[in-house]
Protein backbone atom coordinates (compact mmCIF):
# COMPACT_ATOMS: atom_id res chain seq x y z
CA MET A 1 215.27 309.42 -18.02
CA GLN A 2 214.25 312.78 -16.58
CA SER A 3 210.77 313.40 -15.24
CA ARG A 4 208.02 314.62 -17.54
CA THR A 5 205.09 316.67 -16.25
CA ILE A 6 201.54 316.07 -17.46
CA ASN A 7 198.04 316.61 -16.12
CA ILE A 8 196.12 313.48 -15.07
CA LEU A 9 193.56 315.03 -12.71
CA GLY A 10 189.94 315.04 -13.83
CA VAL A 11 190.63 313.01 -16.97
CA ASN A 12 187.69 310.81 -17.98
CA LEU A 13 188.08 307.45 -19.65
CA ARG A 14 187.81 308.73 -23.26
CA ARG A 15 190.35 311.45 -22.60
CA LEU A 16 192.57 308.90 -20.90
CA PHE A 17 193.06 307.08 -24.20
CA LEU A 18 194.38 310.33 -25.66
CA LEU A 19 196.48 310.89 -22.55
CA MET A 20 198.11 307.48 -22.88
CA ALA A 21 199.08 308.30 -26.47
CA ILE A 22 200.57 311.61 -25.32
CA ILE A 23 202.56 309.85 -22.61
CA SER A 24 203.93 307.40 -25.18
CA LEU A 25 204.99 310.28 -27.43
CA LEU A 26 206.66 312.08 -24.54
CA LEU A 27 208.60 308.99 -23.52
CA ALA A 28 209.66 308.36 -27.12
CA ALA A 29 210.90 311.94 -27.49
CA GLY A 30 214.07 311.21 -25.55
CA CYS A 31 215.56 312.50 -22.30
CA GLY A 32 215.34 316.26 -22.78
CA GLY A 33 214.76 318.54 -19.84
CA GLU A 34 211.81 320.51 -21.20
CA THR A 35 208.42 320.35 -19.48
CA ALA A 36 205.34 319.39 -21.48
CA ALA A 37 202.31 321.66 -21.41
CA PRO A 38 199.42 320.40 -19.27
CA VAL A 39 196.71 318.45 -21.07
CA ALA A 40 193.26 320.04 -20.85
CA THR A 41 190.81 318.15 -18.70
CA ALA A 42 187.16 317.42 -19.41
CA PRO A 43 184.01 316.96 -17.30
CA PRO A 44 183.59 313.40 -16.03
CA VAL A 45 181.30 311.01 -17.88
CA PRO A 46 179.89 307.67 -16.69
CA THR A 47 182.34 304.78 -16.94
CA PRO A 48 181.16 302.19 -19.49
CA SER A 49 179.93 298.91 -18.04
CA GLY A 50 182.30 295.99 -18.35
CA ILE A 51 185.49 298.00 -17.87
CA ALA A 52 187.88 296.56 -15.29
CA GLN A 53 188.44 299.28 -12.69
CA PRO A 54 191.21 299.15 -10.04
CA VAL A 55 190.35 299.15 -6.32
CA LEU A 56 193.11 299.79 -3.79
CA ALA A 57 193.34 296.89 -1.30
CA VAL A 58 195.47 298.41 1.48
CA SER A 59 194.46 300.87 4.19
CA GLU A 60 197.46 303.17 3.84
CA LEU A 61 200.51 304.02 1.76
CA VAL A 62 203.48 305.81 3.32
CA VAL A 63 206.80 307.41 2.42
CA GLY A 64 209.31 304.61 1.95
CA PRO A 65 208.93 301.02 0.70
CA ASN A 66 205.33 299.88 0.08
CA ARG A 67 203.40 296.82 -0.95
CA PHE A 68 200.96 298.34 -3.44
CA VAL A 69 197.95 296.00 -3.75
CA PHE A 70 194.82 296.39 -5.83
CA GLY A 71 192.00 294.35 -7.31
CA LEU A 72 190.18 294.77 -10.61
CA VAL A 73 186.39 294.89 -10.54
CA ASP A 74 183.79 295.17 -13.28
CA SER A 75 182.58 298.76 -13.53
CA GLY A 76 179.02 297.59 -14.07
CA THR A 77 178.62 294.85 -11.47
CA GLY A 78 181.30 295.82 -8.95
CA LEU A 79 182.41 292.17 -8.86
CA PRO A 80 186.01 291.00 -9.39
CA ILE A 81 186.79 290.21 -13.01
CA VAL A 82 187.21 286.50 -13.66
CA ASP A 83 189.96 286.66 -16.26
CA VAL A 84 193.55 287.50 -15.34
CA ALA A 85 194.57 290.79 -16.86
CA GLU A 86 198.07 291.85 -17.80
CA VAL A 87 198.72 295.18 -16.11
CA GLY A 88 201.37 297.82 -16.71
CA LEU A 89 201.76 300.32 -13.86
CA GLN A 90 203.20 303.84 -13.80
CA PHE A 91 203.33 306.10 -10.73
CA PHE A 92 202.99 309.89 -10.74
CA LYS A 93 203.45 312.54 -8.03
CA VAL A 94 200.57 315.02 -8.23
CA ASN A 95 201.78 318.62 -8.05
CA ALA A 96 200.09 321.59 -6.41
CA ASP A 97 199.15 323.08 -9.81
CA GLY A 98 197.22 319.98 -10.89
CA THR A 99 199.96 318.53 -13.06
CA ALA A 100 201.61 315.21 -12.28
CA THR A 101 205.24 314.16 -12.64
CA LYS A 102 206.03 310.60 -13.60
CA VAL A 103 208.24 308.96 -10.97
CA GLY A 104 208.63 305.44 -12.32
CA ASP A 105 207.19 302.10 -13.35
CA ALA A 106 206.53 298.99 -11.27
CA ASP A 107 206.28 295.29 -12.02
CA VAL A 108 202.88 293.81 -11.20
CA VAL A 109 202.44 290.21 -9.98
CA TYR A 110 199.04 288.50 -9.91
CA GLN A 111 198.31 286.55 -6.71
CA SER A 112 195.23 284.37 -6.34
CA LYS A 113 195.94 280.97 -4.76
CA ASN A 114 193.55 280.37 -1.86
CA LEU A 115 192.20 283.94 -2.00
CA PRO A 116 188.51 284.83 -2.49
CA ALA A 117 189.52 287.08 -5.41
CA GLY A 118 192.77 287.63 -7.27
CA LEU A 119 194.98 290.56 -6.28
CA TYR A 120 197.67 292.48 -8.15
CA VAL A 121 200.80 293.27 -6.13
CA ALA A 122 203.64 295.68 -6.87
CA ARG A 123 206.56 296.61 -4.67
CA THR A 124 207.38 300.31 -4.93
CA GLU A 125 208.81 303.19 -2.94
CA PHE A 126 207.27 306.63 -2.50
CA ASN A 127 209.74 309.44 -1.78
CA GLU A 128 207.29 312.17 -0.80
CA ALA A 129 204.01 312.54 1.08
CA GLY A 130 200.91 314.01 -0.57
CA LYS A 131 198.69 313.31 -3.55
CA TRP A 132 199.80 310.58 -5.94
CA GLY A 133 198.36 308.84 -8.97
CA ALA A 134 198.87 305.72 -11.01
CA ILE A 135 198.09 304.94 -14.63
CA LEU A 136 197.36 301.31 -15.42
CA ASN A 137 197.58 299.81 -18.90
CA ILE A 138 195.22 296.84 -18.82
CA THR A 139 195.11 294.00 -21.33
CA ARG A 140 192.33 291.44 -20.87
CA GLN A 141 191.70 288.23 -22.76
CA GLY A 142 190.00 288.93 -26.07
CA LYS A 143 189.73 292.68 -25.45
CA GLU A 144 191.54 295.77 -26.69
CA PRO A 145 194.14 297.21 -24.29
CA TYR A 146 193.12 300.40 -22.53
CA GLY A 147 194.25 302.71 -19.76
CA THR A 148 192.70 303.76 -16.49
CA ARG A 149 193.91 305.65 -13.46
CA MET A 150 193.92 305.69 -9.66
CA GLU A 151 194.45 308.54 -7.21
CA PHE A 152 195.61 308.01 -3.64
CA ASP A 153 197.33 309.72 -0.71
CA VAL A 154 200.78 308.87 0.58
CA LEU A 155 201.29 309.59 4.29
CA ALA A 156 204.48 310.99 5.80
CA ASP A 157 204.48 308.27 8.45
CA SER A 158 202.47 305.28 9.58
CA THR A 159 200.81 304.35 12.84
CA VAL A 160 201.75 300.75 11.97
CA PRO A 161 205.37 299.68 12.67
CA MET A 162 207.52 300.14 9.59
CA VAL A 163 210.34 297.95 8.30
CA GLY A 164 213.41 298.51 10.44
CA GLU A 165 211.48 299.70 13.51
CA PRO A 166 211.34 297.72 16.76
CA ALA A 167 208.30 295.48 17.18
CA PRO A 168 206.07 296.79 20.00
CA PRO A 169 206.65 294.44 22.98
CA SER A 170 202.96 293.70 23.59
CA LYS A 171 201.84 291.49 26.45
CA ASN A 172 198.92 289.82 24.70
CA LEU A 173 196.84 287.06 26.22
CA THR A 174 198.09 283.52 25.68
CA LYS A 175 196.52 280.12 26.26
CA LYS A 176 197.73 280.28 29.89
CA ASP A 177 195.44 283.28 30.48
CA VAL A 178 192.13 281.73 29.35
CA ALA A 179 190.04 278.74 30.28
CA ASP A 180 189.29 277.94 26.63
CA ILE A 181 191.37 278.92 23.61
CA SER A 182 188.19 279.97 21.76
CA GLU A 183 188.11 283.01 24.06
CA ILE A 184 190.99 284.47 22.02
CA ASP A 185 190.67 282.68 18.68
CA SER A 186 187.69 282.54 16.31
CA ALA A 187 189.27 279.98 13.95
CA LYS A 188 187.55 276.59 13.71
CA PRO A 189 189.54 274.76 14.98
CA PRO A 190 191.65 277.34 16.85
CA SER A 191 195.27 277.75 15.83
CA ASP A 192 198.15 276.65 18.06
CA MET A 193 199.90 280.03 17.90
CA HIS A 194 199.03 281.23 21.40
CA ASP A 195 201.99 280.03 23.49
CA LEU A 196 203.95 283.29 23.72
CA THR A 197 203.39 286.97 24.22
CA ILE A 198 204.85 289.23 21.56
CA ALA A 199 207.17 290.65 24.22
CA GLU A 200 208.52 287.17 24.93
CA ALA A 201 208.85 286.23 21.27
CA VAL A 202 210.73 289.32 20.05
CA THR A 203 213.30 289.04 22.85
CA SER A 204 213.83 285.29 22.43
CA GLY A 205 216.66 285.56 19.90
CA LYS A 206 214.51 283.78 17.28
CA PRO A 207 212.63 285.31 14.35
CA THR A 208 208.89 285.74 14.80
CA LEU A 209 205.83 285.74 12.56
CA ILE A 210 202.88 287.69 14.01
CA LEU A 211 199.44 287.33 12.43
CA PHE A 212 196.67 289.79 13.30
CA ALA A 213 193.46 288.22 11.97
CA ALA A 214 189.90 287.36 12.91
CA PRO A 215 189.26 284.30 10.73
CA GLY A 216 185.81 283.64 12.20
CA PHE A 217 184.24 286.89 11.02
CA CYS A 218 186.66 288.68 8.70
CA PRO A 219 184.66 291.05 6.44
CA SER A 220 187.25 290.86 3.65
CA PHE A 221 187.32 287.03 3.74
CA THR A 222 191.13 287.17 3.64
CA CYS A 223 191.81 286.37 7.32
CA GLY A 224 191.25 282.65 6.83
CA PRO A 225 193.66 282.48 3.88
CA SER A 226 196.24 284.49 5.84
CA LEU A 227 195.92 282.06 8.74
CA GLU A 228 196.41 279.14 6.36
CA VAL A 229 199.55 280.79 4.97
CA ALA A 230 200.90 281.23 8.52
CA GLN A 231 200.07 277.62 9.37
CA ALA A 232 201.80 276.37 6.21
CA LEU A 233 204.96 278.22 7.24
CA GLU A 234 204.61 276.97 10.82
CA ALA A 235 204.46 273.38 9.61
CA LYS A 236 207.81 273.80 7.87
CA TYR A 237 209.68 276.12 10.24
CA ARG A 238 208.14 275.78 13.72
CA ASP A 239 211.51 274.82 15.28
CA LYS A 240 213.25 277.92 13.95
CA VAL A 241 210.62 280.67 14.22
CA ASN A 242 208.06 281.83 16.79
CA PHE A 243 204.47 281.95 15.50
CA ILE A 244 201.82 284.16 17.13
CA HIS A 245 198.18 284.70 16.19
CA ILE A 246 196.45 287.78 17.63
CA GLU A 247 192.66 287.89 17.35
CA ALA A 248 191.42 291.44 16.83
CA PRO A 249 188.03 292.68 15.58
CA ASN A 250 187.71 294.63 12.34
CA ASP A 251 186.50 297.72 14.25
CA ILE A 252 189.71 298.00 16.27
CA GLN A 253 189.80 301.76 16.72
CA ASN A 254 186.25 301.99 18.15
CA HIS A 255 186.79 299.71 21.13
CA THR A 256 188.24 300.27 24.56
CA HIS A 257 188.43 297.61 27.23
CA VAL A 258 188.12 299.03 30.71
CA GLY A 259 186.61 297.19 33.64
CA PRO A 260 185.26 293.65 33.51
CA VAL A 261 184.28 292.09 30.19
CA ASP A 262 180.54 292.02 29.57
CA PRO A 263 179.39 288.35 29.61
CA ASN A 264 177.54 289.05 26.34
CA HIS A 265 180.59 290.71 24.82
CA HIS A 266 181.16 287.86 22.37
CA ASN A 267 177.77 288.56 20.77
CA GLN A 268 178.56 292.19 19.94
CA PRO A 269 179.34 293.11 16.31
CA GLY A 270 182.95 292.35 15.51
CA HIS A 271 183.41 290.02 18.47
CA GLN A 272 181.32 287.01 17.51
CA GLY A 273 182.31 283.96 19.49
CA VAL A 274 185.38 285.59 21.02
CA ALA A 275 185.03 286.75 24.63
CA LYS A 276 188.50 288.32 24.88
CA PRO A 277 189.63 289.80 21.56
CA GLN A 278 193.10 291.35 21.67
CA VAL A 279 191.94 294.90 21.01
CA GLU A 280 194.58 296.64 23.11
CA THR A 281 197.39 294.73 21.42
CA ALA A 282 196.07 295.73 17.99
CA LYS A 283 195.92 299.34 19.13
CA GLU A 284 199.51 299.19 20.38
CA TRP A 285 200.46 298.21 16.84
CA GLY A 286 198.43 301.09 15.37
CA LEU A 287 196.25 298.84 13.23
CA LYS A 288 193.13 300.13 11.52
CA SER A 289 192.44 296.99 9.51
CA GLU A 290 193.08 293.27 9.45
CA PRO A 291 194.55 290.89 8.50
CA TRP A 292 198.21 291.85 8.88
CA ILE A 293 201.29 289.63 8.97
CA PHE A 294 204.55 290.97 10.39
CA LEU A 295 207.93 289.30 10.04
CA VAL A 296 210.25 290.19 12.93
CA ASP A 297 213.96 289.40 12.83
CA LYS A 298 216.16 287.93 15.58
CA GLU A 299 216.87 291.41 16.95
CA GLY A 300 213.19 292.19 17.36
CA LYS A 301 212.88 294.58 14.41
CA ILE A 302 210.25 294.52 11.67
CA ALA A 303 211.75 292.80 8.62
CA ASP A 304 208.65 292.95 6.43
CA ARG A 305 204.91 293.54 6.69
CA PHE A 306 201.91 292.39 4.66
CA GLU A 307 198.42 293.87 4.84
CA GLY A 308 195.36 292.11 3.47
CA GLY A 309 195.27 289.06 1.25
CA LEU A 310 198.47 287.30 0.34
CA THR A 311 199.69 283.90 -0.78
CA LEU A 312 202.39 281.53 0.41
CA GLU A 313 204.24 282.14 -2.88
CA GLU A 314 204.49 285.84 -2.08
CA ILE A 315 205.51 285.72 1.57
CA GLU A 316 207.81 282.69 1.76
CA PRO A 317 210.83 284.29 0.02
CA ALA A 318 210.76 287.15 2.55
CA PHE A 319 210.18 284.69 5.38
CA VAL A 320 213.18 282.55 4.44
CA LYS A 321 215.43 285.61 4.71
CA LEU A 322 214.66 285.65 8.44
CA LEU A 323 216.50 282.35 8.81
CA GLN A 324 219.72 283.56 7.23
């Protein structure tokens, strides 16, 4: 079906209901090549309390394949909704004249096991940098379906290694470099993923899982679950895959480590209990957030990447492909 052009900028919730009806009519009209006239916008009005609003849960979206992750929060309380909503998702490229061209739909999967709040995940691909939007059709238990929208930027490139790129050969600290493993790991108890440097792992001829997470003080509360996912995979595949945990603070980009480490360093914000966080390694990977999990193939190239909260059910199928 050819693209249809509509205006979704500045549309408030009441107008959005009308917009959704217009979209349905346009899609039902067939595959003609004509362009629909823009829909007039209206001044914004307060969002009614109790409406589930989407919140993007990744730090960046880029041209190419993406893991599009969002949560749904109550517009009145700001808290995650407790019921599981059925969500339809449509993506639009926002044009320079304020109109938006529909690019496609995406399947949404709800993920919640072991996470502090449920997340909605869709795999999609963006073919162009710039302003983008999404329209979500939300159906909640016992409520009438309704539509809402998101706006976001898609970057031309990422500072974080992309799928297919070589993994940066970082020489991170390992357990051989510290007197106590707690110097580089805030988990209680610490993980056992500190035997190798990334440089050693990605040139070993074996696949590698690399977790960047600070489970002891993660502000999103998703580092601990990500560590548990990595440990569950390690328990099943430790003989076939290298596992590495890199401790990095959540304020990665604001830290430089020159000269000796301050003896009170572990008491500074973002470094609680960890005297030697792996800040430089996180910077080499271009990270601005955590947690991240990277899957690296036998040739040392990024096979997949996951930012933020995730479950074993989501990552294991991609992980198993590393073994093939």
